Protein backbone atom coordinates (compact mmCIF):
# COMPACT_ATOMS: atom_id res chain seq x y z
CA MET A 1 -39.87 33.63 38.93
CA ASN A 2 -40.60 37.37 38.63
CA ARG A 3 -43.08 36.81 35.79
CA ASP A 4 -45.89 38.72 37.46
CA ALA A 5 -43.49 41.43 38.59
CA TYR A 6 -42.21 42.07 35.06
CA ASN A 7 -45.74 42.03 33.69
CA LYS A 8 -46.63 44.78 36.17
CA VAL A 9 -43.67 47.03 35.26
CA ALA A 10 -43.43 46.27 31.53
CA GLN A 11 -44.56 49.70 30.40
CA GLN A 12 -42.26 51.55 32.80
CA TRP A 13 -39.37 49.24 31.98
CA GLY A 14 -39.87 49.71 28.25
CA GLU A 15 -39.74 53.47 28.64
CA ALA A 16 -36.71 53.44 30.95
CA ARG A 17 -34.61 50.83 29.13
CA SER A 18 -34.20 52.33 25.68
CA GLY A 19 -30.42 52.61 25.29
CA PHE A 20 -27.10 51.10 26.28
CA PHE A 21 -25.57 51.47 29.73
CA LYS A 22 -21.82 51.95 30.25
CA ASN A 23 -19.88 49.38 28.14
CA GLU A 24 -22.90 47.33 26.98
CA ARG A 25 -22.49 48.31 23.32
CA HIS A 26 -18.84 47.21 23.42
CA TYR A 27 -19.82 43.82 24.85
CA LEU A 28 -22.47 43.36 22.17
CA ASP A 29 -20.08 44.38 19.40
CA THR A 30 -17.58 41.82 20.73
CA LEU A 31 -20.30 39.16 20.68
CA LEU A 32 -21.32 39.94 17.11
CA ALA A 33 -17.86 40.58 15.65
CA PRO A 34 -17.19 37.11 14.19
CA LEU A 35 -20.71 36.46 12.89
CA PRO A 36 -21.46 36.29 9.17
CA PRO A 37 -24.40 38.43 8.00
CA GLY A 38 -27.80 36.94 8.74
CA SER A 39 -26.70 34.90 11.75
CA THR A 40 -29.18 33.97 14.47
CA VAL A 41 -28.69 35.20 18.03
CA LEU A 42 -30.53 33.74 21.03
CA ASP A 43 -31.66 36.40 23.53
CA LEU A 44 -32.62 34.48 26.68
CA GLY A 45 -34.59 36.72 29.00
CA CYS A 46 -35.05 39.20 26.17
CA GLY A 47 -37.60 41.47 27.86
CA THR A 48 -38.88 44.14 25.48
CA GLY A 49 -36.11 43.49 22.96
CA ARG A 50 -34.45 46.76 23.85
CA PRO A 51 -31.65 47.59 23.41
CA MET A 52 -29.96 44.23 22.77
CA ALA A 53 -32.24 42.50 20.25
CA GLU A 54 -32.93 45.80 18.55
CA GLN A 55 -29.21 46.32 17.92
CA VAL A 56 -28.69 42.70 16.85
CA VAL A 57 -31.31 43.18 14.12
CA ALA A 58 -29.87 46.57 13.15
CA SER A 59 -26.52 44.80 12.70
CA GLY A 60 -28.00 42.49 10.06
CA HIS A 61 -28.81 39.42 12.17
CA ARG A 62 -31.89 37.59 13.39
CA VAL A 63 -33.13 37.06 16.95
CA ILE A 64 -34.76 34.25 18.87
CA GLY A 65 -36.10 36.03 21.94
CA VAL A 66 -37.26 34.05 24.96
CA ASP A 67 -39.02 35.55 27.98
CA GLN A 68 -41.64 34.49 30.53
CA SER A 69 -43.39 37.89 30.65
CA GLU A 70 -46.26 38.22 28.21
CA ALA A 71 -46.30 41.99 28.58
CA MET A 72 -42.59 42.33 27.83
CA LEU A 73 -42.84 40.04 24.80
CA GLU A 74 -45.79 42.02 23.49
CA GLN A 75 -43.55 45.08 23.29
CA ALA A 76 -40.78 43.06 21.64
CA ARG A 77 -43.15 41.68 19.00
CA ARG A 78 -44.53 45.12 18.29
CA ARG A 79 -41.05 46.59 17.98
CA LEU A 80 -39.50 43.77 15.93
CA PRO A 81 -42.39 41.82 14.36
CA ASP A 82 -40.26 39.80 11.95
CA GLN A 83 -38.23 38.10 14.68
CA CYS A 84 -38.99 34.91 16.62
CA TRP A 85 -40.42 35.53 20.12
CA LEU A 86 -41.08 32.61 22.47
CA LEU A 87 -42.95 32.63 25.78
CA SER A 88 -41.07 30.43 28.24
CA PRO A 89 -39.32 30.58 31.62
CA MET A 90 -35.57 30.54 31.10
CA GLU A 91 -35.05 27.49 33.30
CA ARG A 92 -37.53 25.45 31.22
CA TYR A 93 -36.33 26.56 27.81
CA VAL A 94 -34.53 23.83 25.87
CA PRO A 95 -33.11 25.18 22.58
CA ASP A 96 -34.57 23.30 19.63
CA ARG A 97 -33.00 25.31 16.82
CA ASP A 98 -29.55 26.53 15.90
CA PHE A 99 -28.09 29.89 16.81
CA GLN A 100 -24.61 31.31 16.40
CA ALA A 101 -24.39 33.53 19.50
CA ALA A 102 -26.34 34.03 22.72
CA ILE A 103 -27.26 36.85 25.10
CA ILE A 104 -28.35 36.29 28.71
CA TRP A 105 -28.36 39.90 29.86
CA ASP A 106 -29.65 41.01 33.27
CA SER A 107 -31.83 37.93 33.47
CA ILE A 108 -30.14 34.83 34.91
CA PHE A 109 -29.68 36.50 38.31
CA HIS A 110 -33.47 36.49 38.70
CA LEU A 111 -33.31 32.70 39.15
CA PRO A 112 -31.94 30.56 42.00
CA ARG A 113 -28.23 30.01 41.47
CA SER A 114 -28.82 26.24 41.45
CA GLU A 115 -30.41 26.71 38.00
CA HIS A 116 -27.57 28.69 36.43
CA ALA A 117 -25.11 25.94 35.46
CA GLY A 118 -27.81 23.93 33.67
CA ILE A 119 -29.02 26.96 31.71
CA LEU A 120 -25.50 27.89 30.64
CA GLN A 121 -24.68 24.32 29.67
CA ARG A 122 -27.78 23.99 27.49
CA VAL A 123 -27.00 27.25 25.70
CA VAL A 124 -23.30 26.53 25.17
CA GLU A 125 -24.08 23.03 23.86
CA ARG A 126 -26.02 24.59 20.96
CA LEU A 127 -23.35 27.15 20.08
CA PRO A 128 -20.97 26.28 17.25
CA GLY A 129 -17.23 26.34 17.83
CA GLY A 130 -16.23 30.00 17.94
CA GLY A 131 -19.77 31.02 18.94
CA ARG A 132 -19.95 33.64 21.66
CA LEU A 133 -22.09 34.21 24.74
CA MET A 134 -22.57 37.39 26.78
CA LEU A 135 -24.21 37.59 30.18
CA THR A 136 -24.37 39.44 33.47
CA VAL A 137 -24.23 37.98 36.97
CA GLY A 138 -24.18 39.43 40.48
CA GLY A 139 -20.91 40.83 41.71
CA SER A 140 -20.58 39.71 45.34
CA SER A 141 -21.21 36.90 47.80
CA HIS A 142 -24.66 37.06 49.39
CA PRO A 143 -27.74 34.91 49.98
CA ALA A 144 -30.73 35.17 47.66
CA PHE A 145 -32.68 38.36 48.29
CA THR A 146 -35.54 40.51 47.05
CA ASP A 147 -35.45 44.18 46.10
CA PHE A 148 -37.86 46.66 44.55
CA MET A 149 -37.98 48.18 41.07
CA PHE A 150 -40.73 50.63 40.14
CA GLY A 151 -42.29 49.76 43.50
CA VAL A 152 -42.58 46.04 42.64
CA GLU A 153 -40.67 43.26 44.43
CA PHE A 154 -38.16 41.13 42.45
CA PHE A 155 -36.12 38.05 43.36
CA TYR A 156 -32.33 37.96 42.87
CA ASP A 157 -29.68 35.27 43.29
CA SER A 158 -26.27 34.67 41.74
CA ASN A 159 -23.08 32.71 41.82
CA LEU A 160 -19.93 34.75 42.27
CA PRO A 161 -18.35 36.03 39.03
CA GLU A 162 -15.44 33.61 39.34
CA GLU A 163 -17.85 30.71 39.90
CA THR A 164 -19.77 31.59 36.73
CA GLU A 165 -16.51 31.92 34.81
CA GLN A 166 -15.51 28.43 35.98
CA ILE A 167 -18.89 27.03 34.89
CA LEU A 168 -18.27 28.47 31.43
CA ARG A 169 -14.74 27.01 31.31
CA ASP A 170 -16.18 23.63 32.30
CA CYS A 171 -18.62 24.01 29.38
CA GLY A 172 -15.68 24.44 27.00
CA CYS A 173 -15.51 28.23 26.78
CA ARG A 174 -12.68 30.71 27.04
CA LEU A 175 -13.20 34.12 28.62
CA LEU A 176 -12.87 37.18 26.38
CA ILE A 177 -14.23 39.79 28.80
CA GLY A 178 -14.87 39.66 32.53
CA GLU A 179 -15.34 42.95 34.33
CA PHE A 180 -17.52 44.81 36.81
CA MET A 181 -20.18 47.15 35.48
CA ASN A 182 -21.25 48.08 39.01
CA LEU A 183 -19.03 47.51 42.03
CA PRO A 184 -20.73 46.16 45.16
CA ASP A 185 -21.01 48.73 47.93
CA GLY A 186 -21.51 46.31 50.81
CA ALA A 187 -25.12 47.44 51.19
CA ARG A 188 -28.06 47.44 48.76
CA ASN A 189 -25.90 47.35 45.62
CA LYS A 190 -24.63 43.76 45.30
CA GLY A 191 -22.69 44.56 42.11
CA ARG A 192 -23.07 43.51 38.48
CA TYR A 193 -20.44 41.66 36.45
CA ALA A 194 -20.29 41.32 32.65
CA ILE A 195 -18.89 38.31 30.82
CA VAL A 196 -18.27 37.61 27.14
CA ALA A 197 -17.07 34.05 26.44
CA GLU A 198 -16.30 32.04 23.32
CA LYS A 199 -16.88 28.33 22.81
CA ARG A 200 -13.67 26.55 21.89
């Protein structure tokens, strides 16, 4: 889902998405805070590796980046050649190696909401106790829809924030952060909600 779209906009996206937005750095710092040096962080839907994977590596850790867009991964490999980059759709990725934290940032809402619980369960199952996960979901109730970015059409769908939080609790997590990054406006902007959770 959206593979061809991201391949088309990879260059524009890589140029536009170079730094953190609003409280993103705080969320990432919260994710990384308990990790010993040299830990491995899964970045599911990693895109170009910027800014999340880039900052993870700068903080002294390693990255397993997973994305379905060849063009986005090409940028990630060029930027961070010593990390592990895997070509795979998120919904088909089954972790086969250990990691101590996970990022699913601005990516899971590109998949049908029916896929979300399974993805989160597979990721949380591989986290150690005390391991943390950060992700974004949509911020309001609405059917699946498409919208345009850089003139290219993208698919979006999401559970409500409270539904995603309950999925994470059912997976054995406790919520550390749950807040809106963008409030829904009742029109085109459906909202964006940030979560940082910790496995018990």
